[in-house]
Amino acid sequence: MLRITHSISIDENDIEISFVRASGPGGQNVNKLSTAAQLRFDARRAALPTDVGVRLERLAGQRMTKDGVIVIHAQRYRTQERNREDAIERLVDLLRDAAVRPTPRRATKPTFGSKQRRLEGKKKRGDVKAMRGGRIDD
């Protein structure tokens, strides 16, 4: 079990990791070895609270397929083990970010002073613009 928060944990069996060939520089190593890790996590099958699932879907963006599977491709490192750890770490970070509830916004009214300063600034800008391009009388 991977512990995400004190109340959320996911089963490691829900994570599927396969190794593919990495792209980019690396010489012969790139052509011979499959070091890039491709992590697949079915978010809809996992037992996540509904609000966390909704935020996860929004945060995952293009990393989530239409079926609700999160795909993370890790190829920063030269070894399978490091890329595997990197992919799992990125998934856990994503889940932790989704578990944080956003603080609700409280509507506030602007103060009288801030309204006055705003209007004074607008008046000054209007005066500056009005002085531009004066008429030339013949």
C-alpha atoms as a PDB file:
ATOM      1  CA  MET A   1       0.000   0.000   0.000  1.00  0.00           C
ATOM      2  CA  LEU A   2       1.240   3.456  -0.939  1.00  0.00           C
ATOM      3  CA  ARG A   3       0.310   6.073   1.646  1.00  0.00           C
ATOM      4  CA  ILE A   4      -0.804   9.313  -0.031  1.00  0.00           C
ATOM      5  CA  THR A   5      -2.260  11.165   2.953  1.00  0.00           C
ATOM      6  CA  HIS A   6      -3.294  10.030   6.424  1.00  0.00           C
ATOM      7  CA  SER A   7      -6.720   9.030   5.058  1.00  0.00           C
ATOM      8  CA  ILE A   8      -5.891   8.051   1.447  1.00  0.00           C
ATOM      9  CA  SER A   9      -3.792   5.110   0.360  1.00  0.00           C
ATOM     10  CA  ILE A  10      -3.677   3.160  -2.886  1.00  0.00           C
ATOM     11  CA  ASP A  11      -2.860  -0.465  -3.535  1.00  0.00           C
ATOM     12  CA  GLU A  12       0.379  -1.049  -5.427  1.00  0.00           C
ATOM     13  CA  ASN A  13      -1.430  -3.670  -7.527  1.00  0.00           C
ATOM     14  CA  ASP A  14      -3.513  -0.844  -9.066  1.00  0.00           C
ATOM     15  CA  ILE A  15      -0.317   0.569 -10.579  1.00  0.00           C
ATOM     16  CA  GLU A  16       0.889  -1.055 -13.776  1.00  0.00           C
ATOM     17  CA  ILE A  17       4.437  -0.264 -14.897  1.00  0.00           C
ATOM     18  CA  SER A  18       5.939  -1.282 -18.207  1.00  0.00           C
ATOM     19  CA  PHE A  19       9.310  -0.386 -19.664  1.00  0.00           C
ATOM     20  CA  VAL A  20       9.777   1.010 -23.151  1.00  0.00           C
ATOM     21  CA  ARG A  21      12.676   2.429 -25.093  1.00  0.00           C
ATOM     22  CA  ALA A  22      13.540   5.983 -24.139  1.00  0.00           C
ATOM     23  CA  SER A  23      13.858   8.716 -26.722  1.00  0.00           C
ATOM     24  CA  GLY A  24      16.578  11.313 -26.945  1.00  0.00           C
ATOM     25  CA  PRO A  25      20.359  11.125 -26.562  1.00  0.00           C
ATOM     26  CA  GLY A  26      22.102   8.182 -24.950  1.00  0.00           C
ATOM     27  CA  GLY A  27      24.180   6.514 -27.622  1.00  0.00           C
ATOM     28  CA  GLN A  28      23.974   2.742 -27.974  1.00  0.00           C
ATOM     29  CA  ASN A  29      22.280   2.463 -24.594  1.00  0.00           C
ATOM     30  CA  VAL A  30      19.091   4.009 -26.025  1.00  0.00           C
ATOM     31  CA  ASN A  31      18.957   1.485 -28.866  1.00  0.00           C
ATOM     32  CA  LYS A  32      19.597  -1.596 -26.730  1.00  0.00           C
ATOM     33  CA  LEU A  33      17.750  -1.131 -23.436  1.00  0.00           C
ATOM     34  CA  SER A  34      14.186  -0.352 -22.457  1.00  0.00           C
ATOM     35  CA  THR A  35      14.795   2.026 -19.576  1.00  0.00           C
ATOM     36  CA  ALA A  36      11.861   4.451 -19.787  1.00  0.00           C
ATOM     37  CA  ALA A  37       9.034   3.617 -17.377  1.00  0.00           C
ATOM     38  CA  GLN A  38       5.407   3.966 -18.424  1.00  0.00           C
ATOM     39  CA  LEU A  39       3.113   4.002 -15.403  1.00  0.00           C
ATOM     40  CA  ARG A  40      -0.624   3.387 -15.780  1.00  0.00           C
ATOM     41  CA  PHE A  41      -3.017   4.035 -12.890  1.00  0.00           C
ATOM     42  CA  ASP A  42      -6.777   3.535 -13.225  1.00  0.00           C
ATOM     43  CA  ALA A  43      -8.131   6.413 -11.132  1.00  0.00           C
ATOM     44  CA  ARG A  44     -11.784   5.407 -11.526  1.00  0.00           C
ATOM     45  CA  ARG A  45     -11.148   1.877 -10.245  1.00  0.00           C
ATOM     46  CA  ALA A  46      -9.149   3.085  -7.240  1.00  0.00           C
ATOM     47  CA  ALA A  47     -11.027   3.808  -4.019  1.00  0.00           C
ATOM     48  CA  LEU A  48     -10.600   7.586  -3.982  1.00  0.00           C
ATOM     49  CA  PRO A  49     -13.078  10.047  -2.470  1.00  0.00           C
ATOM     50  CA  THR A  50     -15.246  11.698  -5.132  1.00  0.00           C
ATOM     51  CA  ASP A  51     -13.946  15.235  -4.521  1.00  0.00           C
ATOM     52  CA  VAL A  52     -10.347  13.996  -4.809  1.00  0.00           C
ATOM     53  CA  GLY A  53     -11.249  12.171  -8.036  1.00  0.00           C
ATOM     54  CA  VAL A  54     -12.708  15.322  -9.559  1.00  0.00           C
ATOM     55  CA  ARG A  55      -9.660  17.406  -8.646  1.00  0.00           C
ATOM     56  CA  LEU A  56      -7.356  14.624  -9.873  1.00  0.00           C
ATOM     57  CA  GLU A  57      -9.083  14.601 -13.246  1.00  0.00           C
ATOM     58  CA  ARG A  58      -8.622  18.363 -13.551  1.00  0.00           C
ATOM     59  CA  LEU A  59      -4.964  18.306 -12.412  1.00  0.00           C
ATOM     60  CA  ALA A  60      -3.988  15.324 -14.573  1.00  0.00           C
ATOM     61  CA  GLY A  61      -5.094  17.054 -17.770  1.00  0.00           C
ATOM     62  CA  GLN A  62      -3.741  15.277 -20.841  1.00  0.00           C
ATOM     63  CA  ARG A  63      -2.079  12.613 -18.720  1.00  0.00           C
ATOM     64  CA  MET A  64      -5.526  11.092 -18.095  1.00  0.00           C
ATOM     65  CA  THR A  65      -7.202   9.132 -20.862  1.00  0.00           C
ATOM     66  CA  LYS A  66     -10.944   9.178 -21.563  1.00  0.00           C
ATOM     67  CA  ASP A  67     -11.217   5.894 -19.636  1.00  0.00           C
ATOM     68  CA  GLY A  68      -9.829   7.520 -16.484  1.00  0.00           C
ATOM     69  CA  VAL A  69      -6.367   5.956 -16.700  1.00  0.00           C
ATOM     70  CA  ILE A  70      -3.458   8.203 -15.741  1.00  0.00           C
ATOM     71  CA  VAL A  71      -0.367   7.587 -17.878  1.00  0.00           C
ATOM     72  CA  ILE A  72       2.986   8.901 -16.645  1.00  0.00           C
ATOM     73  CA  HIS A  73       6.078   8.495 -18.826  1.00  0.00           C
ATOM     74  CA  ALA A  74       9.381   8.712 -16.917  1.00  0.00           C
ATOM     75  CA  GLN A  75      12.693   8.705 -18.781  1.00  0.00           C
ATOM     76  CA  ARG A  76      14.901  11.154 -16.872  1.00  0.00           C
ATOM     77  CA  TYR A  77      17.342   8.526 -15.641  1.00  0.00           C
ATOM     78  CA  ARG A  78      19.432   5.820 -17.274  1.00  0.00           C
ATOM     79  CA  THR A  79      18.154   2.885 -15.215  1.00  0.00           C
ATOM     80  CA  GLN A  80      14.772   1.204 -15.002  1.00  0.00           C
ATOM     81  CA  GLU A  81      14.746   1.353 -11.198  1.00  0.00           C
ATOM     82  CA  ARG A  82      15.285   5.125 -11.025  1.00  0.00           C
ATOM     83  CA  ASN A  83      12.698   5.777 -13.735  1.00  0.00           C
ATOM     84  CA  ARG A  84      10.228   3.476 -11.964  1.00  0.00           C
ATOM     85  CA  GLU A  85      10.740   5.356  -8.675  1.00  0.00           C
ATOM     86  CA  ASP A  86      10.423   8.686 -10.502  1.00  0.00           C
ATOM     87  CA  ALA A  87       7.111   7.667 -12.104  1.00  0.00           C
ATOM     88  CA  ILE A  88       5.668   6.474  -8.780  1.00  0.00           C
ATOM     89  CA  GLU A  89       6.867   9.646  -7.045  1.00  0.00           C
ATOM     90  CA  ARG A  90       5.199  11.817  -9.703  1.00  0.00           C
ATOM     91  CA  LEU A  91       1.937   9.877  -9.318  1.00  0.00           C
ATOM     92  CA  VAL A  92       2.020  10.275  -5.524  1.00  0.00           C
ATOM     93  CA  ASP A  93       2.715  14.023  -5.902  1.00  0.00           C
ATOM     94  CA  LEU A  94      -0.235  14.339  -8.282  1.00  0.00           C
ATOM     95  CA  LEU A  95      -2.516  12.475  -5.864  1.00  0.00           C
ATOM     96  CA  ARG A  96      -1.321  14.596  -2.923  1.00  0.00           C
ATOM     97  CA  ASP A  97      -2.047  17.782  -4.865  1.00  0.00           C
ATOM     98  CA  ALA A  98      -5.532  16.463  -5.675  1.00  0.00           C
ATOM     99  CA  ALA A  99      -6.162  15.608  -2.014  1.00  0.00           C
ATOM    100  CA  VAL A 100      -5.686  19.234  -0.903  1.00  0.00           C
ATOM    101  CA  ARG A 101      -9.022  21.016  -0.647  1.00  0.00           C
ATOM    102  CA  PRO A 102      -8.891  24.553  -2.033  1.00  0.00           C
ATOM    103  CA  THR A 103      -9.800  27.252   0.471  1.00  0.00           C
ATOM    104  CA  PRO A 104     -13.160  28.780  -0.419  1.00  0.00           C
ATOM    105  CA  ARG A 105     -13.056  32.358  -1.624  1.00  0.00           C
ATOM    106  CA  ARG A 106     -14.894  34.840   0.522  1.00  0.00           C
ATOM    107  CA  ALA A 107     -16.304  37.811  -1.353  1.00  0.00           C
ATOM    108  CA  THR A 108     -15.232  41.148   0.128  1.00  0.00           C
ATOM    109  CA  LYS A 109     -16.173  44.704  -0.700  1.00  0.00           C
ATOM    110  CA  PRO A 110     -13.489  47.201  -1.651  1.00  0.00           C
ATOM    111  CA  THR A 111     -12.876  49.896   0.960  1.00  0.00           C
ATOM    112  CA  PHE A 112     -13.975  53.477   0.405  1.00  0.00           C
ATOM    113  CA  GLY A 113     -10.342  54.612   0.236  1.00  0.00           C
ATOM    114  CA  SER A 114      -9.445  52.047  -2.435  1.00  0.00           C
ATOM    115  CA  LYS A 115     -12.451  53.176  -4.525  1.00  0.00           C
ATOM    116  CA  GLN A 116     -11.335  56.809  -4.220  1.00  0.00           C
ATOM    117  CA  ARG A 117      -7.733  55.979  -5.207  1.00  0.00           C
ATOM    118  CA  ARG A 118      -8.958  53.994  -8.203  1.00  0.00           C
ATOM    119  CA  LEU A 119     -11.179  56.828  -9.410  1.00  0.00           C
ATOM    120  CA  GLU A 120      -8.428  59.411  -8.883  1.00  0.00           C
ATOM    121  CA  GLY A 121      -6.029  57.293 -10.954  1.00  0.00           C
ATOM    122  CA  LYS A 122      -8.590  56.977 -13.731  1.00  0.00           C
ATOM    123  CA  LYS A 123      -9.192  60.733 -13.675  1.00  0.00           C
ATOM    124  CA  LYS A 124      -5.451  61.468 -13.939  1.00  0.00           C
ATOM    125  CA  ARG A 125      -5.045  59.083 -16.883  1.00  0.00           C
ATOM    126  CA  GLY A 126      -8.060  60.652 -18.583  1.00  0.00           C
ATOM    127  CA  ASP A 127      -6.608  64.134 -18.104  1.00  0.00           C
ATOM    128  CA  VAL A 128      -3.244  63.042 -19.556  1.00  0.00           C
ATOM    129  CA  LYS A 129      -4.946  61.549 -22.597  1.00  0.00           C
ATOM    130  CA  ALA A 130      -7.189  64.596 -23.040  1.00  0.00           C
ATOM    131  CA  MET A 131      -4.108  66.864 -23.252  1.00  0.00           C
ATOM    132  CA  ARG A 132      -2.692  64.876 -26.174  1.00  0.00           C
ATOM    133  CA  GLY A 133      -3.125  65.995 -29.746  1.00  0.00           C
ATOM    134  CA  GLY A 134      -4.516  69.440 -29.134  1.00  0.00           C
ATOM    135  CA  ARG A 135      -6.321  71.320 -31.912  1.00  0.00           C
ATOM    136  CA  ILE A 136      -4.410  73.788 -33.991  1.00  0.00           C
ATOM    137  CA  ASP A 137      -6.531  76.832 -34.876  1.00  0.00           C
ATOM    138  CA  ASP A 138      -5.818  78.578 -38.167  1.00  0.00           C
END
